[in-house]
C-alpha cells in the first residue's frame, strides 16, 4: 500500500522492549498524501490521525517501535488481507 506511512506514537498499550520505551508504537497514517501530512506535522507540530484513530504529533523514528496492532489489522482489511 504505497499511500500508507508508518510513524511513531505514544500509546497506552503495554509491550516490552529493551530500550525502555514500552508504551511506544508505530502507527499507520493513511491517505494519498500521507507522507506529506507526516512531514508537515513534524515541521509545524500539528497532529496527524492514524488508521486506529489515534492522533499525535510525529517526532521520532518509527522504525524503532513495533507497529500498532489495531493499525495493522485495519491496514490488512483495507488491502483485502484476512487477519484475526
PDB file of N, CA and C in Angstrom:
ATOM      1  N   UNK A   1       0.858  -1.168   0.000  1.00  0.00           N
ATOM      2  CA  UNK A   1       0.000   0.000   0.000  1.00  0.00           C
ATOM      3  C   UNK A   1       0.903   1.229   0.000  1.00  0.00           C
ATOM      4  N   UNK A   2       1.086   1.827  -1.106  1.00  0.00           N
ATOM      5  CA  UNK A   2       2.036   2.922  -1.238  1.00  0.00           C
ATOM      6  C   UNK A   2       1.565   4.213  -0.582  1.00  0.00           C
ATOM      7  N   UNK A   3       0.289   4.316  -0.274  1.00  0.00           N
ATOM      8  CA  UNK A   3      -0.237   5.539   0.332  1.00  0.00           C
ATOM      9  C   UNK A   3      -0.325   5.449   1.850  1.00  0.00           C
ATOM     10  N   UNK A   4       0.338   4.484   2.432  1.00  0.00           N
ATOM     11  CA  UNK A   4       0.328   4.324   3.881  1.00  0.00           C
ATOM     12  C   UNK A   4       1.723   4.577   4.404  1.00  0.00           C
ATOM     13  N   UNK A   5       1.810   5.333   5.465  1.00  0.00           N
ATOM     14  CA  UNK A   5       3.090   5.658   6.061  1.00  0.00           C
ATOM     15  C   UNK A   5       3.041   5.276   7.526  1.00  0.00           C
ATOM     16  N   UNK A   6       4.107   4.694   8.023  1.00  0.00           N
ATOM     17  CA  UNK A   6       4.175   4.348   9.434  1.00  0.00           C
ATOM     18  C   UNK A   6       4.911   5.460  10.153  1.00  0.00           C
ATOM     19  N   UNK A   7       4.356   5.859  11.272  1.00  0.00           N
ATOM     20  CA  UNK A   7       5.064   6.818  12.104  1.00  0.00           C
ATOM     21  C   UNK A   7       4.771   6.546  13.556  1.00  0.00           C
ATOM     22  N   UNK A   8       5.704   6.895  14.443  1.00  0.00           N
ATOM     23  CA  UNK A   8       5.591   6.549  15.856  1.00  0.00           C
ATOM     24  C   UNK A   8       4.555   7.357  16.598  1.00  0.00           C
ATOM     25  N   UNK A   9       4.206   6.827  17.751  1.00  0.00           N
ATOM     26  CA  UNK A   9       3.290   7.489  18.660  1.00  0.00           C
ATOM     27  C   UNK A   9       3.449   6.883  20.040  1.00  0.00           C
ATOM     28  N   UNK A  10       2.991   7.579  21.037  1.00  0.00           N
ATOM     29  CA  UNK A  10       2.920   7.023  22.384  1.00  0.00           C
ATOM     30  C   UNK A  10       1.512   6.512  22.580  1.00  0.00           C
ATOM     31  N   UNK A  11       1.387   5.288  23.020  1.00  0.00           N
ATOM     32  CA  UNK A  11       0.084   4.666  23.213  1.00  0.00           C
ATOM     33  C   UNK A  11       0.027   4.091  24.614  1.00  0.00           C
ATOM     34  N   UNK A  12      -1.156   3.779  25.092  1.00  0.00           N
ATOM     35  CA  UNK A  12      -1.293   3.274  26.447  1.00  0.00           C
ATOM     36  C   UNK A  12      -1.168   1.757  26.544  1.00  0.00           C
ATOM     37  N   UNK A  13      -1.088   1.048  25.426  1.00  0.00           N
ATOM     38  CA  UNK A  13      -0.947  -0.403  25.456  1.00  0.00           C
ATOM     39  C   UNK A  13       0.445  -0.771  25.947  1.00  0.00           C
ATOM     40  N   UNK A  14       0.535  -1.808  26.759  1.00  0.00           N
ATOM     41  CA  UNK A  14       1.814  -2.210  27.337  1.00  0.00           C
ATOM     42  C   UNK A  14       2.497  -3.273  26.485  1.00  0.00           C
ATOM     43  N   UNK A  15       3.745  -3.036  26.140  1.00  0.00           N
ATOM     44  CA  UNK A  15       4.585  -4.015  25.469  1.00  0.00           C
ATOM     45  C   UNK A  15       5.948  -3.964  26.126  1.00  0.00           C
ATOM     46  N   UNK A  16       6.797  -4.895  25.807  1.00  0.00           N
ATOM     47  CA  UNK A  16       8.123  -4.920  26.398  1.00  0.00           C
ATOM     48  C   UNK A  16       9.172  -4.717  25.315  1.00  0.00           C
ATOM     49  N   UNK A  17      10.017  -3.720  25.491  1.00  0.00           N
ATOM     50  CA  UNK A  17      11.135  -3.508  24.581  1.00  0.00           C
ATOM     51  C   UNK A  17      12.389  -3.309  25.410  1.00  0.00           C
ATOM     52  N   UNK A  18      13.522  -3.588  24.816  1.00  0.00           N
ATOM     53  CA  UNK A  18      14.785  -3.496  25.534  1.00  0.00           C
ATOM     54  C   UNK A  18      15.190  -2.067  25.860  1.00  0.00           C
ATOM     55  N   UNK A  19      14.757  -1.098  25.074  1.00  0.00           N
ATOM     56  CA  UNK A  19      15.199   0.281  25.290  1.00  0.00           C
ATOM     57  C   UNK A  19      14.332   1.045  26.291  1.00  0.00           C
ATOM     58  N   UNK A  20      13.352   0.376  26.901  1.00  0.00           N
ATOM     59  CA  UNK A  20      12.553   1.019  27.934  1.00  0.00           C
ATOM     60  C   UNK A  20      11.351   1.798  27.434  1.00  0.00           C
ATOM     61  N   UNK A  21      11.155   1.888  26.130  1.00  0.00           N
ATOM     62  CA  UNK A  21      10.008   2.615  25.579  1.00  0.00           C
ATOM     63  C   UNK A  21       8.824   1.669  25.416  1.00  0.00           C
ATOM     64  N   UNK A  22       8.343   1.109  26.520  1.00  0.00           N
ATOM     65  CA  UNK A  22       7.307   0.090  26.478  1.00  0.00           C
ATOM     66  C   UNK A  22       5.935   0.601  26.072  1.00  0.00           C
ATOM     67  N   UNK A  23       5.743   1.898  25.975  1.00  0.00           N
ATOM     68  CA  UNK A  23       4.440   2.425  25.586  1.00  0.00           C
ATOM     69  C   UNK A  23       4.432   3.006  24.175  1.00  0.00           C
ATOM     70  N   UNK A  24       5.450   2.794  23.424  1.00  0.00           N
ATOM     71  CA  UNK A  24       5.536   3.397  22.086  1.00  0.00           C
ATOM     72  C   UNK A  24       5.176   2.409  20.988  1.00  0.00           C
ATOM     73  N   UNK A  25       4.395   2.912  20.025  1.00  0.00           N
ATOM     74  CA  UNK A  25       4.025   2.148  18.843  1.00  0.00           C
ATOM     75  C   UNK A  25       4.257   2.994  17.604  1.00  0.00           C
ATOM     76  N   UNK A  26       4.497   2.343  16.497  1.00  0.00           N
ATOM     77  CA  UNK A  26       4.491   2.998  15.197  1.00  0.00           C
ATOM     78  C   UNK A  26       3.076   2.841  14.652  1.00  0.00           C
ATOM     79  N   UNK A  27       2.510   3.917  14.130  1.00  0.00           N
ATOM     80  CA  UNK A  27       1.146   3.892  13.602  1.00  0.00           C
ATOM     81  C   UNK A  27       1.156   4.153  12.103  1.00  0.00           C
ATOM     82  N   UNK A  28       0.126   3.637  11.433  1.00  0.00           N
ATOM     83  CA  UNK A  28      -0.059   3.911  10.014  1.00  0.00           C
ATOM     84  C   UNK A  28      -0.892   5.170   9.835  1.00  0.00           C
ATOM     85  N   UNK A  29      -0.424   6.054   8.974  1.00  0.00           N
ATOM     86  CA  UNK A  29      -1.195   7.224   8.541  1.00  0.00           C
ATOM     87  C   UNK A  29      -1.589   6.929   7.110  1.00  0.00           C
ATOM     88  N   UNK A  30      -2.866   6.973   6.829  1.00  0.00           N
ATOM     89  CA  UNK A  30      -3.349   6.588   5.510  1.00  0.00           C
ATOM     90  C   UNK A  30      -3.799   7.799   4.717  1.00  0.00           C
ATOM     91  N   UNK A  31      -3.595   7.718   3.444  1.00  0.00           N
ATOM     92  CA  UNK A  31      -4.087   8.762   2.559  1.00  0.00           C
ATOM     93  C   UNK A  31      -3.168   8.959   1.380  1.00  0.00           C
ATOM     94  N   UNK A  32      -3.702   9.585   0.396  1.00  0.00           N
ATOM     95  CA  UNK A  32      -2.968   9.847  -0.836  1.00  0.00           C
ATOM     96  C   UNK A  32      -1.718  10.675  -0.553  1.00  0.00           C
ATOM     97  N   UNK A  33      -1.792  11.528   0.427  1.00  0.00           N
ATOM     98  CA  UNK A  33      -0.687  12.419   0.761  1.00  0.00           C
ATOM     99  C   UNK A  33      -0.166  12.165   2.181  1.00  0.00           C
ATOM    100  N   UNK A  34      -0.152  10.891   2.611  1.00  0.00           N
ATOM    101  CA  UNK A  34       0.248  10.538   3.986  1.00  0.00           C
ATOM    102  C   UNK A  34       1.661  11.020   4.313  1.00  0.00           C
ATOM    103  N   UNK A  35       2.594  10.809   3.419  1.00  0.00           N
ATOM    104  CA  UNK A  35       3.976  11.217   3.681  1.00  0.00           C
ATOM    105  C   UNK A  35       4.066  12.735   3.849  1.00  0.00           C
ATOM    106  N   UNK A  36       3.382  13.468   3.005  1.00  0.00           N
ATOM    107  CA  UNK A  36       3.384  14.934   3.106  1.00  0.00           C
ATOM    108  C   UNK A  36       2.727  15.393   4.404  1.00  0.00           C
ATOM    109  N   UNK A  37       1.645  14.710   4.814  1.00  0.00           N
ATOM    110  CA  UNK A  37       0.967  15.054   6.069  1.00  0.00           C
ATOM    111  C   UNK A  37       1.902  14.883   7.265  1.00  0.00           C
ATOM    112  N   UNK A  38       2.634  13.754   7.279  1.00  0.00           N
ATOM    113  CA  UNK A  38       3.535  13.483   8.401  1.00  0.00           C
ATOM    114  C   UNK A  38       4.695  14.465   8.408  1.00  0.00           C
ATOM    115  N   UNK A  39       5.254  14.751   7.252  1.00  0.00           N
ATOM    116  CA  UNK A  39       6.360  15.711   7.158  1.00  0.00           C
ATOM    117  C   UNK A  39       5.902  17.080   7.645  1.00  0.00           C
ATOM    118  N   UNK A  40       4.760  17.523   7.185  1.00  0.00           N
ATOM    119  CA  UNK A  40       4.225  18.820   7.608  1.00  0.00           C
ATOM    120  C   UNK A  40       3.971  18.837   9.118  1.00  0.00           C
ATOM    121  N   UNK A  41       3.413  17.754   9.633  1.00  0.00           N
ATOM    122  CA  UNK A  41       3.133  17.666  11.067  1.00  0.00           C
ATOM    123  C   UNK A  41       4.409  17.736  11.893  1.00  0.00           C
ATOM    124  N   UNK A  42       5.472  17.112  11.401  1.00  0.00           N
ATOM    125  CA  UNK A  42       6.747  17.155  12.115  1.00  0.00           C
ATOM    126  C   UNK A  42       7.315  18.571  12.130  1.00  0.00           C
ATOM    127  N   UNK A  43       7.199  19.259  11.018  1.00  0.00           N
ATOM    128  CA  UNK A  43       7.752  20.615  10.902  1.00  0.00           C
ATOM    129  C   UNK A  43       6.919  21.628  11.696  1.00  0.00           C
ATOM    130  N   UNK A  44       5.616  21.541  11.556  1.00  0.00           N
ATOM    131  CA  UNK A  44       4.731  22.529  12.168  1.00  0.00           C
ATOM    132  C   UNK A  44       4.258  22.144  13.571  1.00  0.00           C
ATOM    133  N   UNK A  45       4.447  20.886  13.948  1.00  0.00           N
ATOM    134  CA  UNK A  45       3.994  20.443  15.264  1.00  0.00           C
ATOM    135  C   UNK A  45       2.495  20.234  15.342  1.00  0.00           C
ATOM    136  N   UNK A  46       1.880  19.926  14.209  1.00  0.00           N
ATOM    137  CA  UNK A  46       0.440  19.680  14.181  1.00  0.00           C
ATOM    138  C   UNK A  46       0.172  18.171  14.217  1.00  0.00           C
ATOM    139  N   UNK A  47      -0.953  17.753  14.782  1.00  0.00           N
ATOM    140  CA  UNK A  47      -1.235  16.322  14.881  1.00  0.00           C
ATOM    141  C   UNK A  47      -1.691  15.711  13.558  1.00  0.00           C
ATOM    142  N   UNK A  48      -1.438  14.399  13.429  1.00  0.00           N
ATOM    143  CA  UNK A  48      -1.962  13.593  12.332  1.00  0.00           C
ATOM    144  C   UNK A  48      -2.817  12.505  12.952  1.00  0.00           C
ATOM    145  N   UNK A  49      -3.633  11.845  12.134  1.00  0.00           N
ATOM    146  CA  UNK A  49      -4.521  10.804  12.632  1.00  0.00           C
ATOM    147  C   UNK A  49      -4.129   9.462  12.028  1.00  0.00           C
ATOM    148  N   UNK A  50      -3.975   8.469  12.895  1.00  0.00           N
ATOM    149  CA  UNK A  50      -3.620   7.113  12.477  1.00  0.00           C
ATOM    150  C   UNK A  50      -4.866   6.340  12.056  1.00  0.00           C
ATOM    151  N   UNK A  51      -4.667   5.218  11.381  1.00  0.00           N
ATOM    152  CA  UNK A  51      -5.781   4.360  10.984  1.00  0.00           C
ATOM    153  C   UNK A  51      -6.624   3.944  12.182  1.00  0.00           C
ATOM    154  N   UNK A  52      -5.984   3.730  13.322  1.00  0.00           N
ATOM    155  CA  UNK A  52      -6.692   3.293  14.531  1.00  0.00           C
ATOM    156  C   UNK A  52      -7.446   4.431  15.210  1.00  0.00           C
ATOM    157  N   UNK A  53      -7.263   5.649  14.731  1.00  0.00           N
ATOM    158  CA  UNK A  53      -7.956   6.804  15.301  1.00  0.00           C
ATOM    159  C   UNK A  53      -7.105   7.648  16.239  1.00  0.00           C
ATOM    160  N   UNK A  54      -5.942   7.151  16.588  1.00  0.00           N
ATOM    161  CA  UNK A  54      -5.038   7.884  17.490  1.00  0.00           C
ATOM    162  C   UNK A  54      -4.524   9.139  16.799  1.00  0.00           C
ATOM    163  N   UNK A  55      -4.518  10.259  17.519  1.00  0.00           N
ATOM    164  CA  UNK A  55      -3.958  11.498  16.992  1.00  0.00           C
ATOM    165  C   UNK A  55      -2.710  11.835  17.786  1.00  0.00           C
ATOM    166  N   UNK A  56      -1.664  12.262  17.085  1.00  0.00           N
ATOM    167  CA  UNK A  56      -0.412  12.622  17.743  1.00  0.00           C
ATOM    168  C   UNK A  56       0.426  13.490  16.828  1.00  0.00           C
ATOM    169  N   UNK A  57       1.433  14.108  17.408  1.00  0.00           N
ATOM    170  CA  UNK A  57       2.389  14.905  16.641  1.00  0.00           C
ATOM    171  C   UNK A  57       3.628  14.033  16.443  1.00  0.00           C
ATOM    172  N   UNK A  58       3.934  13.629  15.209  1.00  0.00           N
ATOM    173  CA  UNK A  58       5.100  12.784  14.949  1.00  0.00           C
ATOM    174  C   UNK A  58       6.401  13.508  15.285  1.00  0.00           C
ATOM    175  N   UNK A  59       7.331  12.758  15.894  1.00  0.00           N
ATOM    176  CA  UNK A  59       8.595  13.393  16.252  1.00  0.00           C
ATOM    177  C   UNK A  59       9.778  12.429  16.282  1.00  0.00           C
ATOM    178  N   UNK A  60       9.549  11.121  16.159  1.00  0.00           N
ATOM    179  CA  UNK A  60      10.647  10.156  16.274  1.00  0.00           C
ATOM    180  C   UNK A  60      10.669   9.171  15.127  1.00  0.00           C
ATOM    181  N   UNK A  61      11.753   8.412  15.051  1.00  0.00           N
ATOM    182  CA  UNK A  61      11.947   7.391  14.028  1.00  0.00           C
ATOM    183  C   UNK A  61      11.045   6.195  14.308  1.00  0.00           C
ATOM    184  N   UNK A  62      10.057   5.973  13.458  1.00  0.00           N
ATOM    185  CA  UNK A  62       9.083   4.902  13.658  1.00  0.00           C
ATOM    186  C   UNK A  62       9.690   3.512  13.567  1.00  0.00           C
ATOM    187  N   UNK A  63      10.807   3.366  12.898  1.00  0.00           N
ATOM    188  CA  UNK A  63      11.401   2.036  12.724  1.00  0.00           C
ATOM    189  C   UNK A  63      11.896   1.444  14.037  1.00  0.00           C
ATOM    190  N   UNK A  64      11.985   2.239  15.076  1.00  0.00           N
ATOM    191  CA  UNK A  64      12.455   1.760  16.381  1.00  0.00           C
ATOM    192  C   UNK A  64      11.338   1.161  17.234  1.00  0.00           C
ATOM    193  N   UNK A  65      10.098   1.176  16.745  1.00  0.00           N
ATOM    194  CA  UNK A  65       8.958   0.763  17.542  1.00  0.00           C
ATOM    195  C   UNK A  65       8.126  -0.288  16.809  1.00  0.00           C
ATOM    196  N   UNK A  66       7.439  -1.129  17.558  1.00  0.00           N
ATOM    197  CA  UNK A  66       6.535  -2.104  16.931  1.00  0.00           C
ATOM    198  C   UNK A  66       5.309  -1.391  16.368  1.00  0.00           C
ATOM    199  N   UNK A  67       4.711  -1.985  15.348  1.00  0.00           N
ATOM    200  CA  UNK A  67       3.529  -1.402  14.722  1.00  0.00           C
ATOM    201  C   UNK A  67       2.310  -1.624  15.612  1.00  0.00           C
ATOM    202  N   UNK A  68       1.490  -0.616  15.712  1.00  0.00           N
ATOM    203  CA  UNK A  68       0.230  -0.691  16.461  1.00  0.00           C
ATOM    204  C   UNK A  68      -0.606  -1.847  15.900  1.00  0.00           C
ATOM    205  N   UNK A  69      -1.018  -2.787  16.750  1.00  0.00           N
ATOM    206  CA  UNK A  69      -1.795  -3.924  16.250  1.00  0.00           C
ATOM    207  C   UNK A  69      -3.130  -3.513  15.630  1.00  0.00           C
ATOM    208  N   UNK A  70      -3.758  -2.473  16.139  1.00  0.00           N
ATOM    209  CA  UNK A  70      -5.026  -2.012  15.568  1.00  0.00           C
ATOM    210  C   UNK A  70      -4.811  -1.428  14.175  1.00  0.00           C
ATOM    211  N   UNK A  71      -3.773  -0.616  14.026  1.00  0.00           N
ATOM    212  CA  UNK A  71      -3.455  -0.062  12.700  1.00  0.00           C
ATOM    213  C   UNK A  71      -3.139  -1.187  11.710  1.00  0.00           C
ATOM    214  N   UNK A  72      -2.400  -2.188  12.166  1.00  0.00           N
ATOM    215  CA  UNK A  72      -2.022  -3.317  11.310  1.00  0.00           C
ATOM    216  C   UNK A  72      -3.266  -4.065  10.830  1.00  0.00           C
ATOM    217  N   UNK A  73      -4.201  -4.337  11.723  1.00  0.00           N
ATOM    218  CA  UNK A  73      -5.444  -5.035  11.343  1.00  0.00           C
ATOM    219  C   UNK A  73      -6.246  -4.216  10.335  1.00  0.00           C
ATOM    220  N   UNK A  74      -6.362  -2.919  10.578  1.00  0.00           N
ATOM    221  CA  UNK A  74      -7.128  -2.058   9.678  1.00  0.00           C
ATOM    222  C   UNK A  74      -6.450  -1.986   8.309  1.00  0.00           C
ATOM    223  N   UNK A  75      -5.130  -1.839   8.298  1.00  0.00           N
ATOM    224  CA  UNK A  75      -4.391  -1.794   7.035  1.00  0.00           C
ATOM    225  C   UNK A  75      -4.602  -3.080   6.245  1.00  0.00           C
ATOM    226  N   UNK A  76      -4.536  -4.216   6.932  1.00  0.00           N
ATOM    227  CA  UNK A  76      -4.733  -5.504   6.261  1.00  0.00           C
ATOM    228  C   UNK A  76      -6.136  -5.628   5.692  1.00  0.00           C
ATOM    229  N   UNK A  77      -7.130  -5.144   6.415  1.00  0.00           N
ATOM    230  CA  UNK A  77      -8.507  -5.169   5.900  1.00  0.00           C
ATOM    231  C   UNK A  77      -8.640  -4.282   4.668  1.00  0.00           C
ATOM    232  N   UNK A  78      -8.025  -3.110   4.709  1.00  0.00           N
ATOM    233  CA  UNK A  78      -8.078  -2.198   3.560  1.00  0.00           C
ATOM    234  C   UNK A  78      -7.409  -2.806   2.337  1.00  0.00           C
ATOM    235  N   UNK A  79      -6.398  -3.625   2.577  1.00  0.00           N
ATOM    236  CA  UNK A  79      -5.684  -4.270   1.483  1.00  0.00           C
ATOM    237  C   UNK A  79      -6.341  -5.599   1.083  1.00  0.00           C
ATOM    238  N   UNK A  80      -7.400  -5.983   1.780  1.00  0.00           N
ATOM    239  CA  UNK A  80      -8.113  -7.197   1.452  1.00  0.00           C
ATOM    240  C   UNK A  80      -7.490  -8.464   2.027  1.00  0.00           C
ATOM    241  N   UNK A  81      -6.612  -8.309   3.016  1.00  0.00           N
ATOM    242  CA  UNK A  81      -5.990  -9.473   3.633  1.00  0.00           C
ATOM    243  C   UNK A  81      -6.832  -9.923   4.810  1.00  0.00           C
ATOM    244  N   UNK A  82      -6.805 -11.218   5.083  1.00  0.00           N
ATOM    245  CA  UNK A  82      -7.517 -11.775   6.235  1.00  0.00           C
ATOM    246  C   UNK A  82      -6.610 -11.713   7.450  1.00  0.00           C
ATOM    247  N   UNK A  83      -7.174 -11.430   8.593  1.00  0.00           N
ATOM    248  CA  UNK A  83      -6.419 -11.387   9.842  1.00  0.00           C
ATOM    249  C   UNK A  83      -7.263 -11.861  10.981  1.00  0.00           C
ATOM    250  N   UNK A  84      -6.752 -11.697  12.212  1.00  0.00           N
ATOM    251  CA  UNK A  84      -7.510 -12.177  13.366  1.00  0.00           C
ATOM    252  C   UNK A  84      -8.666 -11.294  13.697  1.00  0.00           C
TER     253      UNK A  84
END
